[in-house]
């Protein structure tokens, strides 16, 4: 089969001045994409600004013969998000691929977490995905094509000590993806989410050095490139990726049980007595919308004669 290429495509990668985002931008450019390298150049906890990060990545891309421009807007405001997408339109005429990768961390246990710690994380990770995705989506719908990748975390999916703000923001992205998948299905726009774990400024103090050596950021990008390609026709999925391991994670609903007949009362004692069936995860299935969940109580919808 032919190699995956991005000739003629325009990609926007947020937080692309270092780490995983840098690799995404470089590899997209190597395969023919024209790339907007967005990075405000802040520290890992969101302080300061430094334009040199994005500029260095753009220079790397241009030195190897690729095409890229730098953008220094913050994803945490609507103006910033719109300016990022406008950079793509002004420089290259459109946008086909959006990789929402920008992120910071402010780890603390909930008892020690400040309001600013909470708000800053939510504004970059969750609001930041909204501010950039919304203007990109308008363009993608008009051209009936687009690929959007969100970046969640195992901290959201499975939990991680001291990261309540980060996990909450990252789990919010999964809800955003699910709704956006339904809203864009008829426009040939494919939205997916990755849950990467890689050596970076954000993880170097959290993961033991022997494990860090296995978590090369270069192992994350191949999945992103496939999801960003025309060949990918799947949407609404979450993928783990780290150290060369790739798998799908999904929110599922077990078979559960129906209590009562839909007419009488249900007591907490009824819940207690059926707890094994309720809490069991046997025979799970993936639901593609909240409407599908109503199918579980369809046996109660009996037509009375």
C-alpha atoms as a PDB file:
ATOM      1  CA  UNK A   1       0.000   0.000   0.000  1.00  0.00           C
ATOM      2  CA  UNK A   2       1.071   3.584  -0.620  1.00  0.00           C
ATOM      3  CA  UNK A   3       2.591   5.647   2.168  1.00  0.00           C
ATOM      4  CA  UNK A   4       0.335   8.006   4.075  1.00  0.00           C
ATOM      5  CA  UNK A   5       0.900  11.505   2.716  1.00  0.00           C
ATOM      6  CA  UNK A   6      -0.472  14.952   3.476  1.00  0.00           C
ATOM      7  CA  UNK A   7       0.326  16.762   0.259  1.00  0.00           C
ATOM      8  CA  UNK A   8      -1.982  19.753  -0.109  1.00  0.00           C
ATOM      9  CA  UNK A   9      -3.243  19.493   3.468  1.00  0.00           C
ATOM     10  CA  UNK A  10      -2.951  22.207   6.118  1.00  0.00           C
ATOM     11  CA  UNK A  11      -2.364  21.141   9.716  1.00  0.00           C
ATOM     12  CA  UNK A  12      -2.534  23.117  12.947  1.00  0.00           C
ATOM     13  CA  UNK A  13      -0.744  21.694  15.980  1.00  0.00           C
ATOM     14  CA  UNK A  14      -1.162  23.507  19.292  1.00  0.00           C
ATOM     15  CA  UNK A  15       1.574  23.306  21.898  1.00  0.00           C
ATOM     16  CA  UNK A  16       4.005  22.309  19.165  1.00  0.00           C
ATOM     17  CA  UNK A  17       7.098  24.074  20.469  1.00  0.00           C
ATOM     18  CA  UNK A  18       8.399  21.070  22.403  1.00  0.00           C
ATOM     19  CA  UNK A  19       7.750  17.450  23.344  1.00  0.00           C
ATOM     20  CA  UNK A  20       5.064  15.459  21.581  1.00  0.00           C
ATOM     21  CA  UNK A  21       3.650  18.478  19.747  1.00  0.00           C
ATOM     22  CA  UNK A  22       7.010  19.235  18.171  1.00  0.00           C
ATOM     23  CA  UNK A  23       7.242  15.688  16.808  1.00  0.00           C
ATOM     24  CA  UNK A  24       3.680  15.892  15.462  1.00  0.00           C
ATOM     25  CA  UNK A  25       4.451  19.096  13.581  1.00  0.00           C
ATOM     26  CA  UNK A  26       7.743  17.856  12.126  1.00  0.00           C
ATOM     27  CA  UNK A  27       6.371  14.512  10.967  1.00  0.00           C
ATOM     28  CA  UNK A  28       3.270  16.073   9.397  1.00  0.00           C
ATOM     29  CA  UNK A  29       5.553  18.439   7.490  1.00  0.00           C
ATOM     30  CA  UNK A  30       7.829  15.588   6.396  1.00  0.00           C
ATOM     31  CA  UNK A  31       4.833  13.943   4.775  1.00  0.00           C
ATOM     32  CA  UNK A  32       3.781  17.042   2.874  1.00  0.00           C
ATOM     33  CA  UNK A  33       1.503  19.020   5.194  1.00  0.00           C
ATOM     34  CA  UNK A  34       1.829  22.750   5.550  1.00  0.00           C
ATOM     35  CA  UNK A  35       1.929  23.288   9.291  1.00  0.00           C
ATOM     36  CA  UNK A  36       1.005  26.012  11.756  1.00  0.00           C
ATOM     37  CA  UNK A  37       3.264  25.526  14.779  1.00  0.00           C
ATOM     38  CA  UNK A  38       1.414  27.094  17.701  1.00  0.00           C
ATOM     39  CA  UNK A  39       3.152  27.633  21.011  1.00  0.00           C
ATOM     40  CA  UNK A  40       3.047  30.448  23.539  1.00  0.00           C
ATOM     41  CA  UNK A  41       6.329  29.256  25.000  1.00  0.00           C
ATOM     42  CA  UNK A  42       5.208  29.047  28.620  1.00  0.00           C
ATOM     43  CA  UNK A  43       6.762  26.942  31.364  1.00  0.00           C
ATOM     44  CA  UNK A  44       5.194  23.601  32.260  1.00  0.00           C
ATOM     45  CA  UNK A  45       2.986  25.304  34.853  1.00  0.00           C
ATOM     46  CA  UNK A  46       1.824  27.980  32.407  1.00  0.00           C
ATOM     47  CA  UNK A  47       4.006  30.927  33.390  1.00  0.00           C
ATOM     48  CA  UNK A  48       5.921  33.315  31.119  1.00  0.00           C
ATOM     49  CA  UNK A  49       6.121  33.513  27.334  1.00  0.00           C
ATOM     50  CA  UNK A  50       8.905  32.645  24.903  1.00  0.00           C
ATOM     51  CA  UNK A  51       8.464  32.788  21.137  1.00  0.00           C
ATOM     52  CA  UNK A  52      11.705  30.966  20.444  1.00  0.00           C
ATOM     53  CA  UNK A  53      10.143  27.524  21.022  1.00  0.00           C
ATOM     54  CA  UNK A  54       7.759  27.721  18.054  1.00  0.00           C
ATOM     55  CA  UNK A  55      10.319  29.566  15.948  1.00  0.00           C
ATOM     56  CA  UNK A  56      12.895  26.804  16.435  1.00  0.00           C
ATOM     57  CA  UNK A  57      10.440  24.122  15.298  1.00  0.00           C
ATOM     58  CA  UNK A  58       9.512  26.164  12.233  1.00  0.00           C
ATOM     59  CA  UNK A  59      13.203  26.510  11.405  1.00  0.00           C
ATOM     60  CA  UNK A  60      13.675  22.735  11.774  1.00  0.00           C
ATOM     61  CA  UNK A  61      10.830  22.129   9.349  1.00  0.00           C
ATOM     62  CA  UNK A  62      12.041  24.677   6.821  1.00  0.00           C
ATOM     63  CA  UNK A  63      15.621  23.403   7.020  1.00  0.00           C
ATOM     64  CA  UNK A  64      14.441  19.971   5.939  1.00  0.00           C
ATOM     65  CA  UNK A  65      12.465  21.448   3.048  1.00  0.00           C
ATOM     66  CA  UNK A  66       9.065  21.597   4.694  1.00  0.00           C
ATOM     67  CA  UNK A  67       6.568  24.438   4.951  1.00  0.00           C
ATOM     68  CA  UNK A  68       5.557  25.929   8.298  1.00  0.00           C
ATOM     69  CA  UNK A  69       4.704  29.143  10.095  1.00  0.00           C
ATOM     70  CA  UNK A  70       4.802  29.970  13.783  1.00  0.00           C
ATOM     71  CA  UNK A  71       1.893  31.226  15.848  1.00  0.00           C
ATOM     72  CA  UNK A  72       2.198  32.538  19.412  1.00  0.00           C
ATOM     73  CA  UNK A  73      -1.433  32.965  20.481  1.00  0.00           C
ATOM     74  CA  UNK A  74      -2.793  31.410  23.654  1.00  0.00           C
ATOM     75  CA  UNK A  75      -5.449  28.728  23.286  1.00  0.00           C
ATOM     76  CA  UNK A  76      -7.053  29.883  26.542  1.00  0.00           C
ATOM     77  CA  UNK A  77      -9.084  32.687  24.949  1.00  0.00           C
ATOM     78  CA  UNK A  78     -11.556  32.770  22.075  1.00  0.00           C
ATOM     79  CA  UNK A  79      -9.536  35.499  20.368  1.00  0.00           C
ATOM     80  CA  UNK A  80      -6.435  33.349  20.669  1.00  0.00           C
ATOM     81  CA  UNK A  81      -8.114  30.284  19.212  1.00  0.00           C
ATOM     82  CA  UNK A  82      -9.530  32.234  16.301  1.00  0.00           C
ATOM     83  CA  UNK A  83      -6.147  33.830  15.628  1.00  0.00           C
ATOM     84  CA  UNK A  84      -4.488  30.403  15.508  1.00  0.00           C
ATOM     85  CA  UNK A  85      -6.884  29.205  12.823  1.00  0.00           C
ATOM     86  CA  UNK A  86      -6.658  32.538  11.020  1.00  0.00           C
ATOM     87  CA  UNK A  87      -2.898  31.995  10.807  1.00  0.00           C
ATOM     88  CA  UNK A  88      -3.577  28.828   8.838  1.00  0.00           C
ATOM     89  CA  UNK A  89      -6.056  30.557   6.547  1.00  0.00           C
ATOM     90  CA  UNK A  90      -3.852  33.617   5.998  1.00  0.00           C
ATOM     91  CA  UNK A  91      -0.740  31.545   5.319  1.00  0.00           C
ATOM     92  CA  UNK A  92      -2.131  28.513   3.515  1.00  0.00           C
ATOM     93  CA  UNK A  93      -5.765  29.225   2.640  1.00  0.00           C
ATOM     94  CA  UNK A  94      -7.531  26.658   4.805  1.00  0.00           C
ATOM     95  CA  UNK A  95      -7.238  24.052   7.561  1.00  0.00           C
ATOM     96  CA  UNK A  96      -7.708  20.291   7.184  1.00  0.00           C
ATOM     97  CA  UNK A  97      -6.146  18.853  10.333  1.00  0.00           C
ATOM     98  CA  UNK A  98      -6.253  20.077  13.913  1.00  0.00           C
ATOM     99  CA  UNK A  99      -4.216  18.448  16.665  1.00  0.00           C
ATOM    100  CA  UNK A 100      -5.242  19.814  20.068  1.00  0.00           C
ATOM    101  CA  UNK A 101      -2.061  19.181  22.016  1.00  0.00           C
ATOM    102  CA  UNK A 102      -1.368  22.310  24.114  1.00  0.00           C
ATOM    103  CA  UNK A 103      -1.124  21.659  27.828  1.00  0.00           C
ATOM    104  CA  UNK A 104       0.312  22.625  31.198  1.00  0.00           C
ATOM    105  CA  UNK A 105       0.310  20.977  34.629  1.00  0.00           C
ATOM    106  CA  UNK A 106      -0.183  22.252  38.161  1.00  0.00           C
ATOM    107  CA  UNK A 107      -0.166  19.142  40.302  1.00  0.00           C
ATOM    108  CA  UNK A 108      -1.457  19.331  43.864  1.00  0.00           C
ATOM    109  CA  UNK A 109      -3.775  17.286  46.026  1.00  0.00           C
ATOM    110  CA  UNK A 110      -7.272  18.730  46.060  1.00  0.00           C
ATOM    111  CA  UNK A 111      -6.896  20.040  49.618  1.00  0.00           C
ATOM    112  CA  UNK A 112      -3.914  22.161  48.535  1.00  0.00           C
ATOM    113  CA  UNK A 113      -5.204  23.142  45.092  1.00  0.00           C
ATOM    114  CA  UNK A 114      -6.005  26.799  44.556  1.00  0.00           C
ATOM    115  CA  UNK A 115      -8.736  28.254  42.410  1.00  0.00           C
ATOM    116  CA  UNK A 116      -6.059  29.564  40.059  1.00  0.00           C
ATOM    117  CA  UNK A 117      -4.517  26.069  39.793  1.00  0.00           C
ATOM    118  CA  UNK A 118      -7.924  24.749  38.762  1.00  0.00           C
ATOM    119  CA  UNK A 119      -8.857  27.566  36.400  1.00  0.00           C
ATOM    120  CA  UNK A 120      -5.525  27.675  34.567  1.00  0.00           C
ATOM    121  CA  UNK A 121      -5.606  23.954  33.804  1.00  0.00           C
ATOM    122  CA  UNK A 122      -9.222  24.018  32.645  1.00  0.00           C
ATOM    123  CA  UNK A 123      -8.607  27.104  30.486  1.00  0.00           C
ATOM    124  CA  UNK A 124      -5.683  25.555  28.610  1.00  0.00           C
ATOM    125  CA  UNK A 125      -6.776  21.942  28.232  1.00  0.00           C
ATOM    126  CA  UNK A 126     -10.561  22.053  28.008  1.00  0.00           C
ATOM    127  CA  UNK A 127     -11.444  25.610  27.017  1.00  0.00           C
ATOM    128  CA  UNK A 128      -8.336  25.665  24.829  1.00  0.00           C
ATOM    129  CA  UNK A 129      -9.648  22.770  22.750  1.00  0.00           C
ATOM    130  CA  UNK A 130     -12.978  24.591  22.362  1.00  0.00           C
ATOM    131  CA  UNK A 131     -11.471  27.919  21.283  1.00  0.00           C
ATOM    132  CA  UNK A 132      -9.381  26.395  18.503  1.00  0.00           C
ATOM    133  CA  UNK A 133     -11.791  23.675  17.401  1.00  0.00           C
ATOM    134  CA  UNK A 134     -14.781  25.965  16.913  1.00  0.00           C
ATOM    135  CA  UNK A 135     -13.243  28.203  14.201  1.00  0.00           C
ATOM    136  CA  UNK A 136     -11.528  25.209  12.593  1.00  0.00           C
ATOM    137  CA  UNK A 137     -14.818  23.341  12.486  1.00  0.00           C
ATOM    138  CA  UNK A 138     -16.536  26.099  10.537  1.00  0.00           C
ATOM    139  CA  UNK A 139     -13.945  25.797   7.767  1.00  0.00           C
ATOM    140  CA  UNK A 140     -14.001  21.998   7.783  1.00  0.00           C
ATOM    141  CA  UNK A 141     -17.792  21.882   7.468  1.00  0.00           C
ATOM    142  CA  UNK A 142     -17.703  24.233   4.484  1.00  0.00           C
ATOM    143  CA  UNK A 143     -15.199  22.005   2.677  1.00  0.00           C
ATOM    144  CA  UNK A 144     -16.817  18.760   3.873  1.00  0.00           C
ATOM    145  CA  UNK A 145     -13.540  17.425   5.232  1.00  0.00           C
ATOM    146  CA  UNK A 146     -11.556  17.501   8.423  1.00  0.00           C
ATOM    147  CA  UNK A 147      -9.582  15.503  10.961  1.00  0.00           C
ATOM    148  CA  UNK A 148      -9.544  16.591  14.607  1.00  0.00           C
ATOM    149  CA  UNK A 149      -7.476  14.927  17.315  1.00  0.00           C
ATOM    150  CA  UNK A 150      -7.895  15.671  21.007  1.00  0.00           C
ATOM    151  CA  UNK A 151      -5.306  14.753  23.630  1.00  0.00           C
ATOM    152  CA  UNK A 152      -6.610  13.253  26.874  1.00  0.00           C
ATOM    153  CA  UNK A 153      -4.619  11.342  29.498  1.00  0.00           C
ATOM    154  CA  UNK A 154      -4.546   8.126  31.462  1.00  0.00           C
ATOM    155  CA  UNK A 155      -4.914  10.409  34.485  1.00  0.00           C
ATOM    156  CA  UNK A 156      -8.453  11.136  33.299  1.00  0.00           C
ATOM    157  CA  UNK A 157      -9.297   7.609  32.231  1.00  0.00           C
ATOM    158  CA  UNK A 158      -7.876   5.771  35.229  1.00  0.00           C
ATOM    159  CA  UNK A 159      -6.891   8.416  37.809  1.00  0.00           C
ATOM    160  CA  UNK A 160      -3.541   9.725  39.044  1.00  0.00           C
ATOM    161  CA  UNK A 161      -2.686  11.091  42.476  1.00  0.00           C
ATOM    162  CA  UNK A 162      -2.501  14.881  42.702  1.00  0.00           C
ATOM    163  CA  UNK A 163      -3.997  15.608  39.285  1.00  0.00           C
ATOM    164  CA  UNK A 164      -7.661  16.368  39.956  1.00  0.00           C
ATOM    165  CA  UNK A 165      -7.610  19.538  37.845  1.00  0.00           C
ATOM    166  CA  UNK A 166      -5.725  17.918  34.988  1.00  0.00           C
ATOM    167  CA  UNK A 167      -7.838  14.738  35.021  1.00  0.00           C
ATOM    168  CA  UNK A 168     -11.100  16.703  35.092  1.00  0.00           C
ATOM    169  CA  UNK A 169     -10.035  18.829  32.118  1.00  0.00           C
ATOM    170  CA  UNK A 170      -8.832  15.825  30.160  1.00  0.00           C
ATOM    171  CA  UNK A 171     -12.020  13.861  30.828  1.00  0.00           C
ATOM    172  CA  UNK A 172     -14.001  16.852  29.602  1.00  0.00           C
ATOM    173  CA  UNK A 173     -12.275  16.496  26.245  1.00  0.00           C
ATOM    174  CA  UNK A 174     -13.733  13.020  25.883  1.00  0.00           C
ATOM    175  CA  UNK A 175     -17.243  14.393  26.365  1.00  0.00           C
ATOM    176  CA  UNK A 176     -16.471  17.112  23.832  1.00  0.00           C
ATOM    177  CA  UNK A 177     -15.267  14.536  21.320  1.00  0.00           C
ATOM    178  CA  UNK A 178     -18.345  12.338  21.721  1.00  0.00           C
ATOM    179  CA  UNK A 179     -20.743  15.217  21.059  1.00  0.00           C
ATOM    180  CA  UNK A 180     -18.652  16.627  18.229  1.00  0.00           C
ATOM    181  CA  UNK A 181     -18.576  13.202  16.568  1.00  0.00           C
ATOM    182  CA  UNK A 182     -22.376  13.217  16.423  1.00  0.00           C
ATOM    183  CA  UNK A 183     -22.518  16.816  15.197  1.00  0.00           C
ATOM    184  CA  UNK A 184     -19.978  16.329  12.393  1.00  0.00           C
ATOM    185  CA  UNK A 185     -20.707  12.822  11.134  1.00  0.00           C
ATOM    186  CA  UNK A 186     -22.338  14.015   7.911  1.00  0.00           C
ATOM    187  CA  UNK A 187     -19.469  16.364   7.036  1.00  0.00           C
ATOM    188  CA  UNK A 188     -16.660  13.821   6.624  1.00  0.00           C
ATOM    189  CA  UNK A 189     -15.021  15.200   9.767  1.00  0.00           C
ATOM    190  CA  UNK A 190     -13.432  12.537  11.960  1.00  0.00           C
ATOM    191  CA  UNK A 191     -12.808  13.377  15.613  1.00  0.00           C
ATOM    192  CA  UNK A 192     -10.746  11.056  17.800  1.00  0.00           C
ATOM    193  CA  UNK A 193      -8.815  11.253  21.060  1.00  0.00           C
ATOM    194  CA  UNK A 194      -5.425   9.918  22.081  1.00  0.00           C
ATOM    195  CA  UNK A 195      -4.280   9.197  25.646  1.00  0.00           C
ATOM    196  CA  UNK A 196      -0.493   9.362  25.290  1.00  0.00           C
ATOM    197  CA  UNK A 197       2.250   8.835  27.811  1.00  0.00           C
ATOM    198  CA  UNK A 198       5.659  10.043  26.747  1.00  0.00           C
ATOM    199  CA  UNK A 199       8.826  11.561  28.115  1.00  0.00           C
ATOM    200  CA  UNK A 200       8.405  15.334  28.182  1.00  0.00           C
ATOM    201  CA  UNK A 201       8.759  18.375  30.415  1.00  0.00           C
ATOM    202  CA  UNK A 202       5.383  17.479  31.904  1.00  0.00           C
ATOM    203  CA  UNK A 203       6.303  13.895  32.828  1.00  0.00           C
ATOM    204  CA  UNK A 204      10.031  13.880  33.573  1.00  0.00           C
ATOM    205  CA  UNK A 205       9.490  14.412  37.312  1.00  0.00           C
ATOM    206  CA  UNK A 206       6.528  12.066  37.553  1.00  0.00           C
ATOM    207  CA  UNK A 207       7.863   8.882  35.943  1.00  0.00           C
ATOM    208  CA  UNK A 208      10.949   6.858  36.990  1.00  0.00           C
ATOM    209  CA  UNK A 209      13.947   7.297  34.613  1.00  0.00           C
ATOM    210  CA  UNK A 210      14.041   3.635  33.424  1.00  0.00           C
ATOM    211  CA  UNK A 211      10.403   3.908  32.323  1.00  0.00           C
ATOM    212  CA  UNK A 212      10.953   7.329  30.765  1.00  0.00           C
ATOM    213  CA  UNK A 213      13.536   5.797  28.410  1.00  0.00           C
ATOM    214  CA  UNK A 214      10.793   3.595  26.951  1.00  0.00           C
ATOM    215  CA  UNK A 215       8.309   6.424  26.562  1.00  0.00           C
ATOM    216  CA  UNK A 216       9.676   8.064  23.444  1.00  0.00           C
ATOM    217  CA  UNK A 217       7.463  10.861  22.092  1.00  0.00           C
ATOM    218  CA  UNK A 218       8.224   9.545  18.602  1.00  0.00           C
ATOM    219  CA  UNK A 219       6.024   6.535  19.440  1.00  0.00           C
ATOM    220  CA  UNK A 220       2.932   8.735  19.824  1.00  0.00           C
ATOM    221  CA  UNK A 221       3.027  10.533  16.490  1.00  0.00           C
ATOM    222  CA  UNK A 222       2.434   7.537  14.156  1.00  0.00           C
ATOM    223  CA  UNK A 223      -1.031   7.105  15.654  1.00  0.00           C
ATOM    224  CA  UNK A 224      -1.755  10.826  15.296  1.00  0.00           C
ATOM    225  CA  UNK A 225      -0.654  10.763  11.661  1.00  0.00           C
ATOM    226  CA  UNK A 226      -2.924   7.844  10.862  1.00  0.00           C
ATOM    227  CA  UNK A 227      -5.913   9.456  12.599  1.00  0.00           C
ATOM    228  CA  UNK A 228      -5.176  12.686  10.711  1.00  0.00           C
ATOM    229  CA  UNK A 229      -5.087  10.952   7.336  1.00  0.00           C
ATOM    230  CA  UNK A 230      -7.752  10.529   4.684  1.00  0.00           C
ATOM    231  CA  UNK A 231      -7.411   6.779   5.146  1.00  0.00           C
ATOM    232  CA  UNK A 232      -8.854   6.957   8.634  1.00  0.00           C
ATOM    233  CA  UNK A 233     -12.636   6.657   8.513  1.00  0.00           C
ATOM    234  CA  UNK A 234     -13.244   5.991  12.225  1.00  0.00           C
ATOM    235  CA  UNK A 235     -14.434   8.608  14.682  1.00  0.00           C
ATOM    236  CA  UNK A 236     -15.399   8.971  18.322  1.00  0.00           C
ATOM    237  CA  UNK A 237     -12.661   6.673  19.597  1.00  0.00           C
ATOM    238  CA  UNK A 238     -10.114   6.902  22.409  1.00  0.00           C
ATOM    239  CA  UNK A 239      -6.681   5.327  22.006  1.00  0.00           C
ATOM    240  CA  UNK A 240      -3.962   4.591  24.552  1.00  0.00           C
ATOM    241  CA  UNK A 241      -0.446   4.991  23.191  1.00  0.00           C
ATOM    242  CA  UNK A 242       2.901   4.726  24.959  1.00  0.00           C
ATOM    243  CA  UNK A 243       6.195   2.875  24.524  1.00  0.00           C
ATOM    244  CA  UNK A 244       5.019   1.247  21.279  1.00  0.00           C
ATOM    245  CA  UNK A 245       1.772  -0.020  22.848  1.00  0.00           C
ATOM    246  CA  UNK A 246      -1.469   1.009  21.156  1.00  0.00           C
ATOM    247  CA  UNK A 247      -4.984   0.071  22.228  1.00  0.00           C
ATOM    248  CA  UNK A 248      -8.508   1.361  22.260  1.00  0.00           C
ATOM    249  CA  UNK A 249     -10.235   2.444  25.448  1.00  0.00           C
ATOM    250  CA  UNK A 250     -13.989   2.966  25.499  1.00  0.00           C
ATOM    251  CA  UNK A 251     -16.721   4.071  27.851  1.00  0.00           C
ATOM    252  CA  UNK A 252     -19.028   1.083  28.084  1.00  0.00           C
ATOM    253  CA  UNK A 253     -22.321   0.136  29.686  1.00  0.00           C
ATOM    254  CA  UNK A 254     -22.851  -3.310  31.167  1.00  0.00           C
ATOM    255  CA  UNK A 255     -26.023  -5.331  30.702  1.00  0.00           C
ATOM    256  CA  UNK A 256     -27.228  -4.346  34.178  1.00  0.00           C
ATOM    257  CA  UNK A 257     -30.741  -5.186  35.282  1.00  0.00           C
ATOM    258  CA  UNK A 258     -34.251  -3.744  35.258  1.00  0.00           C
ATOM    259  CA  UNK A 259     -35.904  -3.290  38.642  1.00  0.00           C
ATOM    260  CA  UNK A 260     -39.679  -3.044  38.739  1.00  0.00           C
ATOM    261  CA  UNK A 261     -42.143  -2.525  35.928  1.00  0.00           C
ATOM    262  CA  UNK A 262     -41.731   1.196  35.241  1.00  0.00           C
ATOM    263  CA  UNK A 263     -44.850   2.043  37.251  1.00  0.00           C
ATOM    264  CA  UNK A 264     -44.232   1.216  40.881  1.00  0.00           C
ATOM    265  CA  UNK A 265     -41.712   2.626  43.330  1.00  0.00           C
ATOM    266  CA  UNK A 266     -38.078   1.533  43.576  1.00  0.00           C
ATOM    267  CA  UNK A 267     -36.466   1.520  47.024  1.00  0.00           C
ATOM    268  CA  UNK A 268     -32.816   1.701  48.139  1.00  0.00           C
ATOM    269  CA  UNK A 269     -33.334  -1.838  49.422  1.00  0.00           C
ATOM    270  CA  UNK A 270     -34.154  -2.895  45.861  1.00  0.00           C
ATOM    271  CA  UNK A 271     -30.839  -1.370  44.767  1.00  0.00           C
ATOM    272  CA  UNK A 272     -29.034  -3.249  47.561  1.00  0.00           C
ATOM    273  CA  UNK A 273     -30.654  -6.540  46.669  1.00  0.00           C
ATOM    274  CA  UNK A 274     -29.691  -6.177  43.003  1.00  0.00           C
ATOM    275  CA  UNK A 275     -26.242  -4.669  43.609  1.00  0.00           C
ATOM    276  CA  UNK A 276     -24.309  -7.568  42.070  1.00  0.00           C
ATOM    277  CA  UNK A 277     -26.172  -7.201  38.787  1.00  0.00           C
ATOM    278  CA  UNK A 278     -25.936  -3.397  38.838  1.00  0.00           C
ATOM    279  CA  UNK A 279     -22.219  -3.195  39.622  1.00  0.00           C
ATOM    280  CA  UNK A 280     -21.134  -6.077  37.386  1.00  0.00           C
ATOM    281  CA  UNK A 281     -19.360  -5.193  34.151  1.00  0.00           C
ATOM    282  CA  UNK A 282     -20.279  -8.451  32.424  1.00  0.00           C
ATOM    283  CA  UNK A 283     -21.379  -8.237  28.792  1.00  0.00           C
ATOM    284  CA  UNK A 284     -20.549  -4.560  28.246  1.00  0.00           C
ATOM    285  CA  UNK A 285     -21.340  -2.674  25.067  1.00  0.00           C
ATOM    286  CA  UNK A 286     -20.310   0.652  23.611  1.00  0.00           C
ATOM    287  CA  UNK A 287     -23.099   3.194  23.281  1.00  0.00           C
ATOM    288  CA  UNK A 288     -22.807   5.696  20.451  1.00  0.00           C
ATOM    289  CA  UNK A 289     -25.228   8.221  21.937  1.00  0.00           C
ATOM    290  CA  UNK A 290     -27.302   8.799  25.044  1.00  0.00           C
ATOM    291  CA  UNK A 291     -30.353   7.803  23.012  1.00  0.00           C
ATOM    292  CA  UNK A 292     -28.943   4.289  22.652  1.00  0.00           C
ATOM    293  CA  UNK A 293     -28.880   3.919  26.432  1.00  0.00           C
ATOM    294  CA  UNK A 294     -32.678   4.081  26.485  1.00  0.00           C
ATOM    295  CA  UNK A 295     -32.679   0.721  24.745  1.00  0.00           C
ATOM    296  CA  UNK A 296     -31.933  -0.915  28.076  1.00  0.00           C
ATOM    297  CA  UNK A 297     -35.428  -0.128  29.332  1.00  0.00           C
ATOM    298  CA  UNK A 298     -37.216  -0.889  26.071  1.00  0.00           C
ATOM    299  CA  UNK A 299     -38.766  -4.068  27.571  1.00  0.00           C
ATOM    300  CA  UNK A 300     -40.845  -1.748  29.751  1.00  0.00           C
ATOM    301  CA  UNK A 301     -42.365  -0.052  26.715  1.00  0.00           C
ATOM    302  CA  UNK A 302     -45.200  -2.490  26.285  1.00  0.00           C
ATOM    303  CA  UNK A 303     -48.267  -1.336  24.422  1.00  0.00           C
ATOM    304  CA  UNK A 304     -51.316  -1.793  26.602  1.00  0.00           C
ATOM    305  CA  UNK A 305     -54.360  -3.076  24.836  1.00  0.00           C
END
